[in-house]
Amino acid sequence: MRRFFRKQLTYFLIGFTVAFILYLFIRFDANDVILGVVIGAATGIVLCLAIAIMERRFPDEATVGTKK
């Protein structure tokens, strides 16, 4: 049941994000919106890389040596 709600939340967030970006294109200048999306995407990529590096450097003690 929890997995179902997580999947539904993911779908909701994707839909919300797409609709919000479309709203921004309608409301503001397209160049400003694209710049904001690029900056947000770059920040997200950097954050994902930082988290991946930190997880490799400091693994969770509960999952060390266990297979998923």
PDB file of N, CA and C in Angstrom:
ATOM      1  N   MET A   1       0.828  -1.189   0.000  1.00  0.00           N
ATOM      2  CA  MET A   1       0.000   0.000   0.000  1.00  0.00           C
ATOM      3  C   MET A   1       0.879   1.262   0.000  1.00  0.00           C
ATOM      4  N   ARG A   2       1.955   1.189   0.767  1.00  0.00           N
ATOM      5  CA  ARG A   2       2.853   2.342   0.835  1.00  0.00           C
ATOM      6  C   ARG A   2       3.513   2.604  -0.521  1.00  0.00           C
ATOM      7  N   ARG A   3       3.851   1.520  -1.210  1.00  0.00           N
ATOM      8  CA  ARG A   3       4.465   1.643  -2.531  1.00  0.00           C
ATOM      9  C   ARG A   3       3.494   2.305  -3.513  1.00  0.00           C
ATOM     10  N   PHE A   4       2.214   1.959  -3.399  1.00  0.00           N
ATOM     11  CA  PHE A   4       1.181   2.553  -4.253  1.00  0.00           C
ATOM     12  C   PHE A   4       1.116   4.061  -4.040  1.00  0.00           C
ATOM     13  N   PHE A   5       1.104   4.498  -2.784  1.00  0.00           N
ATOM     14  CA  PHE A   5       1.019   5.927  -2.493  1.00  0.00           C
ATOM     15  C   PHE A   5       2.277   6.663  -2.953  1.00  0.00           C
ATOM     16  N   ARG A   6       3.424   6.024  -2.826  1.00  0.00           N
ATOM     17  CA  ARG A   6       4.667   6.643  -3.285  1.00  0.00           C
ATOM     18  C   ARG A   6       4.632   6.839  -4.802  1.00  0.00           C
ATOM     19  N   LYS A   7       4.136   5.842  -5.529  1.00  0.00           N
ATOM     20  CA  LYS A   7       4.030   5.945  -6.980  1.00  0.00           C
ATOM     21  C   LYS A   7       3.041   7.046  -7.366  1.00  0.00           C
ATOM     22  N   GLN A   8       1.917   7.124  -6.672  1.00  0.00           N
ATOM     23  CA  GLN A   8       0.932   8.153  -6.963  1.00  0.00           C
ATOM     24  C   GLN A   8       1.483   9.546  -6.658  1.00  0.00           C
ATOM     25  N   LEU A   9       2.244   9.683  -5.586  1.00  0.00           N
ATOM     26  CA  LEU A   9       2.868  10.962  -5.257  1.00  0.00           C
ATOM     27  C   LEU A   9       3.864  11.364  -6.334  1.00  0.00           C
ATOM     28  N   THR A  10       4.608  10.396  -6.844  1.00  0.00           N
ATOM     29  CA  THR A  10       5.558  10.682  -7.921  1.00  0.00           C
ATOM     30  C   THR A  10       4.825  11.182  -9.161  1.00  0.00           C
ATOM     31  N   TYR A  11       3.734  10.515  -9.530  1.00  0.00           N
ATOM     32  CA  TYR A  11       2.944  10.953 -10.681  1.00  0.00           C
ATOM     33  C   TYR A  11       2.392  12.352 -10.466  1.00  0.00           C
ATOM     34  N   PHE A  12       1.913  12.623  -9.262  1.00  0.00           N
ATOM     35  CA  PHE A  12       1.378  13.949  -8.952  1.00  0.00           C
ATOM     36  C   PHE A  12       2.461  15.012  -9.093  1.00  0.00           C
ATOM     37  N   LEU A  13       3.638  14.752  -8.549  1.00  0.00           N
ATOM     38  CA  LEU A  13       4.721  15.736  -8.609  1.00  0.00           C
ATOM     39  C   LEU A  13       5.181  15.980 -10.037  1.00  0.00           C
ATOM     40  N   ILE A  14       5.224  14.933 -10.852  1.00  0.00           N
ATOM     41  CA  ILE A  14       5.599  15.106 -12.256  1.00  0.00           C
ATOM     42  C   ILE A  14       4.565  15.974 -12.971  1.00  0.00           C
ATOM     43  N   GLY A  15       3.293  15.671 -12.768  1.00  0.00           N
ATOM     44  CA  GLY A  15       2.236  16.460 -13.390  1.00  0.00           C
ATOM     45  C   GLY A  15       2.237  17.896 -12.924  1.00  0.00           C
ATOM     46  N   PHE A  16       2.432  18.091 -11.637  1.00  0.00           N
ATOM     47  CA  PHE A  16       2.480  19.438 -11.084  1.00  0.00           C
ATOM     48  C   PHE A  16       3.639  20.227 -11.685  1.00  0.00           C
ATOM     49  N   THR A  17       4.798  19.604 -11.789  1.00  0.00           N
ATOM     50  CA  THR A  17       5.976  20.278 -12.323  1.00  0.00           C
ATOM     51  C   THR A  17       5.764  20.671 -13.779  1.00  0.00           C
ATOM     52  N   VAL A  18       5.222  19.754 -14.580  1.00  0.00           N
ATOM     53  CA  VAL A  18       4.981  20.061 -15.990  1.00  0.00           C
ATOM     54  C   VAL A  18       3.984  21.212 -16.116  1.00  0.00           C
ATOM     55  N   ALA A  19       2.894  21.149 -15.352  1.00  0.00           N
ATOM     56  CA  ALA A  19       1.886  22.209 -15.419  1.00  0.00           C
ATOM     57  C   ALA A  19       2.460  23.543 -14.947  1.00  0.00           C
ATOM     58  N   PHE A  20       3.292  23.531 -13.921  1.00  0.00           N
ATOM     59  CA  PHE A  20       3.876  24.754 -13.401  1.00  0.00           C
ATOM     60  C   PHE A  20       4.821  25.384 -14.422  1.00  0.00           C
ATOM     61  N   ILE A  21       5.616  24.557 -15.091  1.00  0.00           N
ATOM     62  CA  ILE A  21       6.523  25.080 -16.106  1.00  0.00           C
ATOM     63  C   ILE A  21       5.724  25.666 -17.276  1.00  0.00           C
ATOM     64  N   LEU A  22       4.653  24.987 -17.674  1.00  0.00           N
ATOM     65  CA  LEU A  22       3.798  25.538 -18.731  1.00  0.00           C
ATOM     66  C   LEU A  22       3.193  26.871 -18.305  1.00  0.00           C
ATOM     67  N   TYR A  23       2.774  26.963 -17.054  1.00  0.00           N
ATOM     68  CA  TYR A  23       2.236  28.218 -16.531  1.00  0.00           C
ATOM     69  C   TYR A  23       3.287  29.327 -16.600  1.00  0.00           C
ATOM     70  N   LEU A  24       4.517  28.995 -16.246  1.00  0.00           N
ATOM     71  CA  LEU A  24       5.576  29.996 -16.283  1.00  0.00           C
ATOM     72  C   LEU A  24       5.838  30.480 -17.705  1.00  0.00           C
ATOM     73  N   PHE A  25       5.785  29.557 -18.687  1.00  0.00           N
ATOM     74  CA  PHE A  25       5.963  29.964 -20.076  1.00  0.00           C
ATOM     75  C   PHE A  25       4.863  30.923 -20.513  1.00  0.00           C
ATOM     76  N   ILE A  26       3.648  30.694 -20.059  1.00  0.00           N
ATOM     77  CA  ILE A  26       2.539  31.572 -20.422  1.00  0.00           C
ATOM     78  C   ILE A  26       2.653  32.914 -19.716  1.00  0.00           C
ATOM     79  N   ARG A  27       3.048  32.892 -18.466  1.00  0.00           N
ATOM     80  CA  ARG A  27       3.049  34.092 -17.630  1.00  0.00           C
ATOM     81  C   ARG A  27       4.262  34.994 -17.876  1.00  0.00           C
ATOM     82  N   PHE A  28       5.427  34.396 -18.094  1.00  0.00           N
ATOM     83  CA  PHE A  28       6.669  35.165 -18.191  1.00  0.00           C
ATOM     84  C   PHE A  28       7.337  34.950 -19.548  1.00  0.00           C
ATOM     85  N   ASP A  29       8.444  35.645 -19.757  1.00  0.00           N
ATOM     86  CA  ASP A  29       9.229  35.517 -20.974  1.00  0.00           C
ATOM     87  C   ASP A  29       9.862  34.122 -21.041  1.00  0.00           C
ATOM     88  N   ALA A  30       9.829  33.506 -22.221  1.00  0.00           N
ATOM     89  CA  ALA A  30      10.320  32.136 -22.377  1.00  0.00           C
ATOM     90  C   ALA A  30      11.804  32.013 -22.047  1.00  0.00           C
ATOM     91  N   ASN A  31      12.609  33.020 -22.373  1.00  0.00           N
ATOM     92  CA  ASN A  31      14.049  32.947 -22.087  1.00  0.00           C
ATOM     93  C   ASN A  31      14.324  32.879 -20.596  1.00  0.00           C
ATOM     94  N   ASP A  32      13.561  33.635 -19.813  1.00  0.00           N
ATOM     95  CA  ASP A  32      13.734  33.601 -18.355  1.00  0.00           C
ATOM     96  C   ASP A  32      13.349  32.242 -17.788  1.00  0.00           C
ATOM     97  N   VAL A  33      12.287  31.666 -18.337  1.00  0.00           N
ATOM     98  CA  VAL A  33      11.836  30.356 -17.859  1.00  0.00           C
ATOM     99  C   VAL A  33      12.867  29.281 -18.196  1.00  0.00           C
ATOM    100  N   ILE A  34      13.382  29.310 -19.412  1.00  0.00           N
ATOM    101  CA  ILE A  34      14.389  28.320 -19.816  1.00  0.00           C
ATOM    102  C   ILE A  34      15.647  28.465 -18.970  1.00  0.00           C
ATOM    103  N   LEU A  35      16.065  29.684 -18.702  1.00  0.00           N
ATOM    104  CA  LEU A  35      17.226  29.904 -17.841  1.00  0.00           C
ATOM    105  C   LEU A  35      16.975  29.327 -16.449  1.00  0.00           C
ATOM    106  N   GLY A  36      15.794  29.544 -15.906  1.00  0.00           N
ATOM    107  CA  GLY A  36      15.466  28.997 -14.591  1.00  0.00           C
ATOM    108  C   GLY A  36      15.453  27.478 -14.588  1.00  0.00           C
ATOM    109  N   VAL A  37      14.917  26.873 -15.651  1.00  0.00           N
ATOM    110  CA  VAL A  37      14.884  25.413 -15.746  1.00  0.00           C
ATOM    111  C   VAL A  37      16.307  24.862 -15.851  1.00  0.00           C
ATOM    112  N   VAL A  38      17.156  25.515 -16.626  1.00  0.00           N
ATOM    113  CA  VAL A  38      18.540  25.058 -16.770  1.00  0.00           C
ATOM    114  C   VAL A  38      19.288  25.175 -15.451  1.00  0.00           C
ATOM    115  N   ILE A  39      19.116  26.273 -14.760  1.00  0.00           N
ATOM    116  CA  ILE A  39      19.777  26.449 -13.462  1.00  0.00           C
ATOM    117  C   ILE A  39      19.269  25.404 -12.468  1.00  0.00           C
ATOM    118  N   GLY A  40      17.959  25.165 -12.458  1.00  0.00           N
ATOM    119  CA  GLY A  40      17.396  24.150 -11.567  1.00  0.00           C
ATOM    120  C   GLY A  40      17.899  22.754 -11.897  1.00  0.00           C
ATOM    121  N   ALA A  41      17.981  22.423 -13.183  1.00  0.00           N
ATOM    122  CA  ALA A  41      18.473  21.106 -13.587  1.00  0.00           C
ATOM    123  C   ALA A  41      19.942  20.935 -13.210  1.00  0.00           C
ATOM    124  N   ALA A  42      20.736  21.965 -13.438  1.00  0.00           N
ATOM    125  CA  ALA A  42      22.161  21.893 -13.076  1.00  0.00           C
ATOM    126  C   ALA A  42      22.331  21.724 -11.567  1.00  0.00           C
ATOM    127  N   THR A  43      21.545  22.432 -10.802  1.00  0.00           N
ATOM    128  CA  THR A  43      21.606  22.299  -9.346  1.00  0.00           C
ATOM    129  C   THR A  43      21.206  20.895  -8.924  1.00  0.00           C
ATOM    130  N   GLY A  44      20.166  20.347  -9.552  1.00  0.00           N
ATOM    131  CA  GLY A  44      19.734  18.989  -9.241  1.00  0.00           C
ATOM    132  C   GLY A  44      20.797  17.954  -9.555  1.00  0.00           C
ATOM    133  N   ILE A  45      21.475  18.121 -10.697  1.00  0.00           N
ATOM    134  CA  ILE A  45      22.533  17.187 -11.067  1.00  0.00           C
ATOM    135  C   ILE A  45      23.691  17.261 -10.084  1.00  0.00           C
ATOM    136  N   VAL A  46      24.083  18.460  -9.713  1.00  0.00           N
ATOM    137  CA  VAL A  46      25.172  18.624  -8.744  1.00  0.00           C
ATOM    138  C   VAL A  46      24.786  18.001  -7.399  1.00  0.00           C
ATOM    139  N   LEU A  47      23.563  18.200  -6.965  1.00  0.00           N
ATOM    140  CA  LEU A  47      23.104  17.620  -5.702  1.00  0.00           C
ATOM    141  C   LEU A  47      23.099  16.097  -5.771  1.00  0.00           C
ATOM    142  N   CYS A  48      22.633  15.532  -6.882  1.00  0.00           N
ATOM    143  CA  CYS A  48      22.631  14.072  -7.041  1.00  0.00           C
ATOM    144  C   CYS A  48      24.062  13.517  -6.997  1.00  0.00           C
ATOM    145  N   LEU A  49      24.967  14.179  -7.675  1.00  0.00           N
ATOM    146  CA  LEU A  49      26.362  13.734  -7.654  1.00  0.00           C
ATOM    147  C   LEU A  49      26.959  13.837  -6.252  1.00  0.00           C
ATOM    148  N   ALA A  50      26.671  14.926  -5.552  1.00  0.00           N
ATOM    149  CA  ALA A  50      27.197  15.095  -4.197  1.00  0.00           C
ATOM    150  C   ALA A  50      26.658  14.010  -3.263  1.00  0.00           C
ATOM    151  N   ILE A  51      25.385  13.700  -3.379  1.00  0.00           N
ATOM    152  CA  ILE A  51      24.797  12.662  -2.525  1.00  0.00           C
ATOM    153  C   ILE A  51      25.400  11.298  -2.866  1.00  0.00           C
ATOM    154  N   ALA A  52      25.582  11.001  -4.163  1.00  0.00           N
ATOM    155  CA  ALA A  52      26.177   9.729  -4.560  1.00  0.00           C
ATOM    156  C   ALA A  52      27.606   9.596  -4.027  1.00  0.00           C
ATOM    157  N   ILE A  53      28.370  10.671  -4.109  1.00  0.00           N
ATOM    158  CA  ILE A  53      29.744  10.643  -3.598  1.00  0.00           C
ATOM    159  C   ILE A  53      29.755  10.451  -2.090  1.00  0.00           C
ATOM    160  N   MET A  54      28.875  11.151  -1.388  1.00  0.00           N
ATOM    161  CA  MET A  54      28.813  11.019   0.068  1.00  0.00           C
ATOM    162  C   MET A  54      28.361   9.622   0.489  1.00  0.00           C
ATOM    163  N   GLU A  55      27.436   9.017  -0.268  1.00  0.00           N
ATOM    164  CA  GLU A  55      26.999   7.661   0.061  1.00  0.00           C
ATOM    165  C   GLU A  55      28.109   6.647  -0.156  1.00  0.00           C
ATOM    166  N   ARG A  56      28.945   6.874  -1.159  1.00  0.00           N
ATOM    167  CA  ARG A  56      30.077   5.966  -1.364  1.00  0.00           C
ATOM    168  C   ARG A  56      31.156   6.166  -0.304  1.00  0.00           C
ATOM    169  N   ARG A  57      31.361   7.403   0.079  1.00  0.00           N
ATOM    170  CA  ARG A  57      32.406   7.687   1.056  1.00  0.00           C
ATOM    171  C   ARG A  57      31.987   7.273   2.465  1.00  0.00           C
ATOM    172  N   PHE A  58      30.730   7.499   2.808  1.00  0.00           N
ATOM    173  CA  PHE A  58      30.215   7.174   4.137  1.00  0.00           C
ATOM    174  C   PHE A  58      28.996   6.258   3.990  1.00  0.00           C
ATOM    175  N   PRO A  59      29.223   4.955   3.735  1.00  0.00           N
ATOM    176  CA  PRO A  59      28.082   4.059   3.522  1.00  0.00           C
ATOM    177  C   PRO A  59      27.270   3.885   4.804  1.00  0.00           C
ATOM    178  N   ASP A  60      25.985   3.597   4.606  1.00  0.00           N
ATOM    179  CA  ASP A  60      25.101   3.355   5.729  1.00  0.00           C
ATOM    180  C   ASP A  60      25.502   2.042   6.386  1.00  0.00           C
ATOM    181  N   GLU A  61      25.733   2.045   7.671  1.00  0.00           N
ATOM    182  CA  GLU A  61      26.196   0.851   8.373  1.00  0.00           C
ATOM    183  C   GLU A  61      25.175  -0.274   8.345  1.00  0.00           C
ATOM    184  N   ALA A  62      23.908   0.045   8.206  1.00  0.00           N
ATOM    185  CA  ALA A  62      22.875  -0.985   8.184  1.00  0.00           C
ATOM    186  C   ALA A  62      22.864  -1.746   6.863  1.00  0.00           C
ATOM    187  N   THR A  63      23.368  -1.134   5.792  1.00  0.00           N
ATOM    188  CA  THR A  63      23.325  -1.807   4.485  1.00  0.00           C
ATOM    189  C   THR A  63      24.682  -2.293   4.024  1.00  0.00           C
ATOM    190  N   VAL A  64      25.720  -2.132   4.808  1.00  0.00           N
ATOM    191  CA  VAL A  64      27.052  -2.585   4.411  1.00  0.00           C
ATOM    192  C   VAL A  64      27.069  -4.114   4.430  1.00  0.00           C
ATOM    193  N   GLY A  65      27.430  -4.690   3.304  1.00  0.00           N
ATOM    194  CA  GLY A  65      27.556  -6.137   3.227  1.00  0.00           C
ATOM    195  C   GLY A  65      26.242  -6.865   3.000  1.00  0.00           C
ATOM    196  N   THR A  66      25.165  -6.164   2.778  1.00  0.00           N
ATOM    197  CA  THR A  66      23.879  -6.814   2.503  1.00  0.00           C
ATOM    198  C   THR A  66      23.502  -6.574   1.063  1.00  0.00           C
ATOM    199  N   LYS A  67      22.820  -7.538   0.503  1.00  0.00           N
ATOM    200  CA  LYS A  67      22.335  -7.389  -0.869  1.00  0.00           C
ATOM    201  C   LYS A  67      20.880  -7.023  -0.841  1.00  0.00           C
ATOM    202  N   LYS A  68      20.504  -6.187  -1.809  1.00  0.00           N
ATOM    203  CA  LYS A  68      19.092  -5.792  -1.899  1.00  0.00           C
ATOM    204  C   LYS A  68      18.414  -6.591  -2.971  1.00  0.00           C
TER     205      LYS A  68
END
